[in-house]
Amino acid sequence: MSFLHLSSPSSSNATPLNVIVHPQALFTILDHTLRRTEGQEPVIGSLLGTRSDDGTEIEIKTSFAVPHTISGSQVEIGMEYHKTMYNLHHKANPKEILVGWYSTSLELNTISALIHYFYSSAPDGTFPHPAVHLTMQTEPSADMTINTYVSTGVGVDRERILEGCLFVPVPHEIRYSEAERSGLDLVASAKSTETRSTSIVSDIGSLEKSIEDVLDMLDRVSAYVSGVVDGTSPANVAIGKYLLANLSLAPKIEPEELERLFNSHLQDVLLVVYLSNSIKTQMELFNTLKRMALVSA
């Protein structure tokens, strides 16, 4: 009698309930795709990040490319290259560890299982924790689709269970800081231009755009609330609770006092910009006089 043995993903350690992906890792994958050799598709690489104490949450912070060659049903991975790159990165970022691997193909096949087995069971792999597999669609004409998986062993007996795997989807989210958001907004602004390029705006220009965005959001919220009150727009309890929670956090300040505080802060910002430009001018003048003195000597 033959049996099919299914191993639970959480048999050894807790399966990730949420995967957090940082933009830097995604941009590295896109850069790897653009720099790949002609005819190579897809590309793969290693994912580095942190894991919570209970193993239920994984943050993917960075990634690096790993060379590989596919021949029929076999795949060769640059193990020494992967080991060297991982050791160098781990020295620079001791808190970041190997958490999985990525591929620019959405297809899950036997090659994916072999690569996943390597990242799960290699001496410097993720064992005993499950490895995360991230797939990313990078075709220019298609939407950028991202999926994350962990695997569970599949086999006819326990001896061969690790040679095959069943990929199980796990939820993920893309999370970025305020500094990264500014960069992403700047990159996104290039999509509306014919040259697909944009220039870095000044501090005043950035402040002006931020104020315009806030005013636009306030107009949309005001129009929505007015529509609900008038009965022309359907009410949403979740949106109402969200707006109420945010309004309760706003300080109780009179409009005149708020305007005074804003103008005072704006003057401080302008003063810092003026001082930084003055220092820069003085340094350039000093370097110019120093070079003239050396030439005359």
Protein backbone atom coordinates (compact mmCIF):
# COMPACT_ATOMS: atom_id res chain seq x y z
CA MET A 1 0.00 0.00 0.00
CA SER A 2 1.37 3.45 -0.97
CA PHE A 3 0.81 6.68 0.89
CA LEU A 4 1.11 10.37 0.15
CA HIS A 5 2.69 12.18 3.09
CA LEU A 6 1.93 15.89 3.61
CA SER A 7 4.04 17.76 6.13
CA SER A 8 2.53 20.80 7.80
CA PRO A 9 4.51 24.03 7.20
CA SER A 10 4.44 24.66 10.93
CA SER A 11 5.72 21.24 11.95
CA SER A 12 9.14 22.62 12.95
CA ASN A 13 8.66 26.35 13.38
CA ALA A 14 5.81 28.81 13.08
CA THR A 15 4.75 29.63 9.55
CA PRO A 16 4.94 33.37 8.69
CA LEU A 17 1.51 34.94 9.01
CA ASN A 18 2.66 38.15 7.34
CA VAL A 19 5.57 39.12 5.09
CA ILE A 20 6.64 42.77 5.00
CA VAL A 21 8.49 43.85 1.86
CA HIS A 22 10.56 47.05 1.77
CA PRO A 23 10.91 49.04 -1.49
CA GLN A 24 14.71 48.68 -1.53
CA ALA A 25 14.40 44.94 -2.09
CA LEU A 26 11.95 45.45 -4.97
CA PHE A 27 14.16 48.07 -6.64
CA THR A 28 17.12 45.68 -6.42
CA ILE A 29 15.05 42.99 -8.17
CA LEU A 30 14.08 45.45 -10.91
CA ASP A 31 17.72 46.49 -11.32
CA HIS A 32 18.73 42.82 -11.58
CA THR A 33 16.12 42.34 -14.30
CA LEU A 34 17.41 45.30 -16.31
CA ARG A 35 21.04 44.15 -16.01
CA ARG A 36 20.44 40.48 -16.81
CA THR A 37 22.26 38.88 -19.72
CA GLU A 38 20.43 38.72 -23.03
CA GLY A 39 18.06 35.79 -23.23
CA GLN A 40 18.11 35.07 -19.50
CA GLU A 41 14.64 34.82 -18.04
CA PRO A 42 13.77 34.60 -15.24
CA VAL A 43 16.38 35.82 -12.74
CA ILE A 44 16.67 34.72 -9.14
CA GLY A 45 18.36 36.04 -6.00
CA SER A 46 18.47 35.94 -2.22
CA LEU A 47 16.22 37.83 0.18
CA LEU A 48 17.64 39.27 3.40
CA GLY A 49 15.82 40.72 6.36
CA THR A 50 14.69 40.04 9.88
CA ARG A 51 12.39 37.54 11.55
CA SER A 52 10.26 38.08 14.65
CA ASP A 53 10.99 36.05 17.77
CA ASP A 54 8.01 33.75 17.20
CA GLY A 55 8.70 33.50 13.45
CA THR A 56 5.23 34.70 12.44
CA GLU A 57 6.41 37.94 10.79
CA ILE A 58 9.26 38.39 8.32
CA GLU A 59 10.62 41.69 7.01
CA ILE A 60 12.35 41.57 3.62
CA LYS A 61 14.69 44.57 3.62
CA THR A 62 17.28 43.91 0.90
CA SER A 63 18.18 41.40 -1.79
CA PHE A 64 21.04 40.50 -4.10
CA ALA A 65 21.28 38.63 -7.40
CA VAL A 66 22.51 35.04 -7.64
CA PRO A 67 23.67 33.55 -10.99
CA HIS A 68 22.01 30.33 -12.10
CA THR A 69 21.74 28.10 -15.14
CA ILE A 70 18.74 25.94 -16.07
CA SER A 71 19.29 22.84 -18.19
CA GLY A 72 16.17 20.78 -18.75
CA SER A 73 14.90 19.71 -15.34
CA GLN A 74 18.17 20.61 -13.60
CA VAL A 75 19.36 23.93 -12.21
CA GLU A 76 22.82 25.08 -11.19
CA ILE A 77 23.13 27.86 -8.61
CA GLY A 78 26.26 29.90 -7.95
CA MET A 79 26.66 28.59 -4.40
CA GLU A 80 30.08 30.17 -3.79
CA TYR A 81 28.88 33.52 -5.14
CA HIS A 82 25.80 33.35 -2.91
CA LYS A 83 27.91 32.45 0.13
CA THR A 84 30.43 35.25 -0.51
CA MET A 85 27.76 37.90 -1.07
CA TYR A 86 25.81 36.80 1.99
CA ASN A 87 28.90 36.91 4.23
CA LEU A 88 29.82 40.40 2.98
CA HIS A 89 26.29 41.69 3.49
CA HIS A 90 26.03 40.07 6.92
CA LYS A 91 29.23 41.81 8.03
CA ALA A 92 27.80 45.19 6.99
CA ASN A 93 24.33 44.42 8.42
CA PRO A 94 24.70 41.87 11.22
CA LYS A 95 21.00 41.98 12.11
CA GLU A 96 19.86 40.94 8.63
CA ILE A 97 19.75 37.23 7.88
CA LEU A 98 18.75 35.06 4.94
CA VAL A 99 14.95 34.71 4.84
CA GLY A 100 14.31 33.31 1.35
CA TRP A 101 14.71 33.92 -2.37
CA TYR A 102 13.02 35.69 -5.27
CA SER A 103 12.21 34.97 -8.89
CA THR A 104 10.88 37.18 -11.69
CA SER A 105 8.65 34.35 -12.90
CA LEU A 106 5.19 33.78 -11.46
CA GLU A 107 5.34 30.10 -12.45
CA LEU A 108 5.87 27.49 -9.74
CA ASN A 109 7.38 24.26 -11.05
CA THR A 110 9.96 21.58 -10.24
CA ILE A 111 12.80 24.07 -10.80
CA SER A 112 11.23 26.32 -8.16
CA ALA A 113 11.07 23.35 -5.79
CA LEU A 114 14.78 22.56 -6.32
CA ILE A 115 15.84 26.17 -5.69
CA HIS A 116 13.57 26.39 -2.66
CA TYR A 117 15.10 23.19 -1.27
CA PHE A 118 18.57 24.74 -1.63
CA TYR A 119 17.60 27.88 0.31
CA SER A 120 15.79 25.85 2.96
CA SER A 121 18.42 23.19 3.64
CA ALA A 122 21.80 24.74 2.71
CA PRO A 123 24.34 25.09 5.56
CA ASP A 124 23.75 28.86 5.63
CA GLY A 125 20.07 28.58 4.65
CA THR A 126 16.90 29.32 6.60
CA PHE A 127 16.57 25.91 8.32
CA PRO A 128 14.89 25.25 10.74
CA HIS A 129 12.71 28.21 9.73
CA PRO A 130 10.73 28.06 6.46
CA ALA A 131 12.13 29.98 3.50
CA VAL A 132 10.00 32.66 1.85
CA HIS A 133 9.66 32.57 -1.93
CA LEU A 134 8.78 35.91 -3.55
CA THR A 135 7.66 36.06 -7.18
CA MET A 136 7.55 39.36 -9.04
CA GLN A 137 6.23 40.15 -12.51
CA THR A 138 8.66 42.55 -14.21
CA GLU A 139 7.37 42.59 -17.79
CA PRO A 140 7.14 46.23 -18.98
CA SER A 141 3.68 45.75 -20.52
CA ALA A 142 2.19 43.91 -17.54
CA ASP A 143 1.19 44.94 -14.03
CA MET A 144 3.85 44.42 -11.37
CA THR A 145 2.39 41.43 -9.53
CA ILE A 146 4.00 40.27 -6.28
CA ASN A 147 3.27 37.01 -4.47
CA THR A 148 4.87 35.39 -1.43
CA TYR A 149 4.92 31.70 -0.54
CA VAL A 150 6.24 29.20 1.96
CA SER A 151 6.43 25.49 1.25
CA THR A 152 5.29 22.26 2.77
CA GLY A 153 7.03 18.99 2.00
CA VAL A 154 5.26 16.52 -0.30
CA GLY A 155 6.39 12.95 -0.91
CA VAL A 156 5.40 9.28 -1.07
CA ASP A 157 7.52 8.54 2.00
CA ARG A 158 9.33 10.47 4.68
CA GLU A 159 12.76 9.85 3.13
CA ARG A 160 11.86 11.73 -0.07
CA ILE A 161 9.59 14.38 1.42
CA LEU A 162 12.17 17.17 1.16
CA GLU A 163 12.74 16.59 -2.58
CA GLY A 164 9.31 17.97 -3.43
CA CYS A 165 7.24 20.78 -2.04
CA LEU A 166 3.86 22.41 -2.27
CA PHE A 167 3.94 26.22 -2.28
CA VAL A 168 1.45 27.78 0.12
CA PRO A 169 0.57 31.48 -0.35
CA VAL A 170 1.09 33.78 2.65
CA PRO A 171 -0.12 37.40 2.95
CA HIS A 172 2.30 40.24 2.38
CA GLU A 173 2.39 44.02 2.48
CA ILE A 174 4.73 46.68 1.12
CA ARG A 175 5.84 49.00 3.89
CA TYR A 176 7.97 52.12 3.59
CA SER A 177 9.15 54.93 5.83
CA GLU A 178 8.39 58.62 5.35
CA ALA A 179 11.82 59.19 3.78
CA GLU A 180 11.24 56.33 1.34
CA ARG A 181 7.78 57.65 0.56
CA SER A 182 9.25 60.96 -0.61
CA GLY A 183 11.56 59.11 -2.96
CA LEU A 184 8.75 56.89 -4.24
CA ASP A 185 6.53 59.91 -4.87
CA LEU A 186 9.36 61.53 -6.84
CA VAL A 187 9.85 58.40 -8.94
CA ALA A 188 6.10 58.04 -9.49
CA SER A 189 5.87 61.62 -10.76
CA ALA A 190 7.95 60.61 -13.81
CA LYS A 191 5.21 58.33 -15.17
CA SER A 192 3.22 61.33 -16.45
CA THR A 193 6.10 62.75 -18.49
CA GLU A 194 7.07 61.70 -22.02
CA THR A 195 10.74 61.29 -21.15
CA ARG A 196 9.92 59.22 -18.04
CA SER A 197 12.27 61.44 -16.05
CA THR A 198 11.87 64.06 -13.36
CA SER A 199 14.01 66.53 -11.47
CA ILE A 200 14.50 66.86 -7.74
CA VAL A 201 12.43 69.76 -6.42
CA SER A 202 13.65 72.27 -3.87
CA ASP A 203 12.57 72.27 -0.23
CA ILE A 204 10.07 75.05 -0.89
CA GLY A 205 8.71 73.22 -3.92
CA SER A 206 8.35 70.03 -1.90
CA LEU A 207 6.54 71.92 0.85
CA GLU A 208 4.21 73.51 -1.70
CA LYS A 209 3.38 70.12 -3.21
CA SER A 210 2.73 68.63 0.22
CA ILE A 211 0.32 71.45 1.07
CA GLU A 212 -1.47 71.00 -2.26
CA ASP A 213 -1.82 67.27 -1.62
CA VAL A 214 -3.23 67.91 1.86
CA LEU A 215 -5.72 70.44 0.51
CA ASP A 216 -6.78 67.99 -2.21
CA MET A 217 -7.36 65.24 0.37
CA LEU A 218 -9.33 67.62 2.59
CA ASP A 219 -11.51 68.58 -0.38
CA ARG A 220 -12.20 64.91 -1.16
CA VAL A 221 -13.04 64.11 2.47
CA SER A 222 -15.26 67.18 2.73
CA ALA A 223 -17.10 66.26 -0.47
CA TYR A 224 -17.61 62.70 0.78
CA VAL A 225 -18.94 63.81 4.18
CA SER A 226 -21.27 66.36 2.54
CA GLY A 227 -22.56 63.65 0.20
CA VAL A 228 -23.28 61.30 3.12
CA VAL A 229 -25.08 64.05 5.03
CA ASP A 230 -27.14 64.99 1.96
CA GLY A 231 -27.91 61.36 1.20
CA THR A 232 -26.30 61.42 -2.26
CA SER A 233 -23.41 59.14 -1.27
CA PRO A 234 -23.62 55.78 0.53
CA ALA A 235 -22.40 55.82 4.11
CA ASN A 236 -19.50 53.58 5.15
CA VAL A 237 -19.14 52.77 8.84
CA ALA A 238 -15.42 51.89 8.52
CA ILE A 239 -14.61 55.22 6.84
CA GLY A 240 -16.63 57.09 9.45
CA LYS A 241 -14.76 55.42 12.33
CA TYR A 242 -11.43 56.11 10.64
CA LEU A 243 -12.22 59.81 10.17
CA LEU A 244 -13.48 60.09 13.75
CA ALA A 245 -10.34 58.43 15.14
CA ASN A 246 -8.08 60.80 13.21
CA LEU A 247 -10.10 63.89 14.12
CA SER A 248 -9.90 62.96 17.81
CA LEU A 249 -6.08 63.01 17.56
CA ALA A 250 -6.00 66.55 16.18
CA PRO A 251 -5.05 69.17 18.81
CA LYS A 252 -7.69 71.68 19.81
CA ILE A 253 -6.07 74.86 18.47
CA GLU A 254 -7.69 78.04 17.25
CA PRO A 255 -7.19 78.82 13.54
CA GLU A 256 -5.23 82.00 14.36
CA GLU A 257 -2.85 80.11 16.67
CA LEU A 258 -2.37 77.36 14.09
CA GLU A 259 -1.51 79.94 11.43
CA ARG A 260 0.97 81.61 13.76
CA LEU A 261 2.69 78.28 14.57
CA PHE A 262 2.85 77.35 10.90
CA ASN A 263 4.38 80.69 9.89
CA SER A 264 6.91 80.43 12.71
CA HIS A 265 7.92 76.94 11.60
CA LEU A 266 8.15 78.08 7.99
CA GLN A 267 10.48 80.94 8.98
CA ASP A 268 12.69 78.46 10.85
CA VAL A 269 12.91 76.27 7.76
CA LEU A 270 13.78 79.22 5.54
CA LEU A 271 16.45 80.34 8.02
CA VAL A 272 18.07 76.89 7.98
CA VAL A 273 18.04 76.84 4.16
CA TYR A 274 19.57 80.33 4.05
CA LEU A 275 22.33 79.40 6.51
CA SER A 276 23.18 76.19 4.67
CA ASN A 277 23.43 78.06 1.35
CA SER A 278 25.62 80.74 2.99
CA ILE A 279 27.98 78.11 4.40
CA LYS A 280 28.16 76.40 1.03
CA THR A 281 29.02 79.71 -0.66
CA GLN A 282 31.71 80.47 1.93
CA MET A 283 33.29 77.03 1.46
CA GLU A 284 33.35 77.42 -2.33
CA LEU A 285 34.90 80.89 -1.97
CA PHE A 286 37.52 79.54 0.46
CA ASN A 287 38.45 76.70 -1.90
CA THR A 288 38.73 79.13 -4.83
CA LEU A 289 41.03 81.50 -2.91
CA LYS A 290 43.12 78.54 -1.73
CA ARG A 291 43.61 77.31 -5.30
CA MET A 292 44.56 80.84 -6.47
CA ALA A 293 47.10 81.12 -3.66
CA LEU A 294 48.67 77.79 -4.61
CA VAL A 295 48.89 78.80 -8.31
CA SER A 296 50.46 82.17 -7.52
CA ALA A 297 53.00 80.54 -5.21
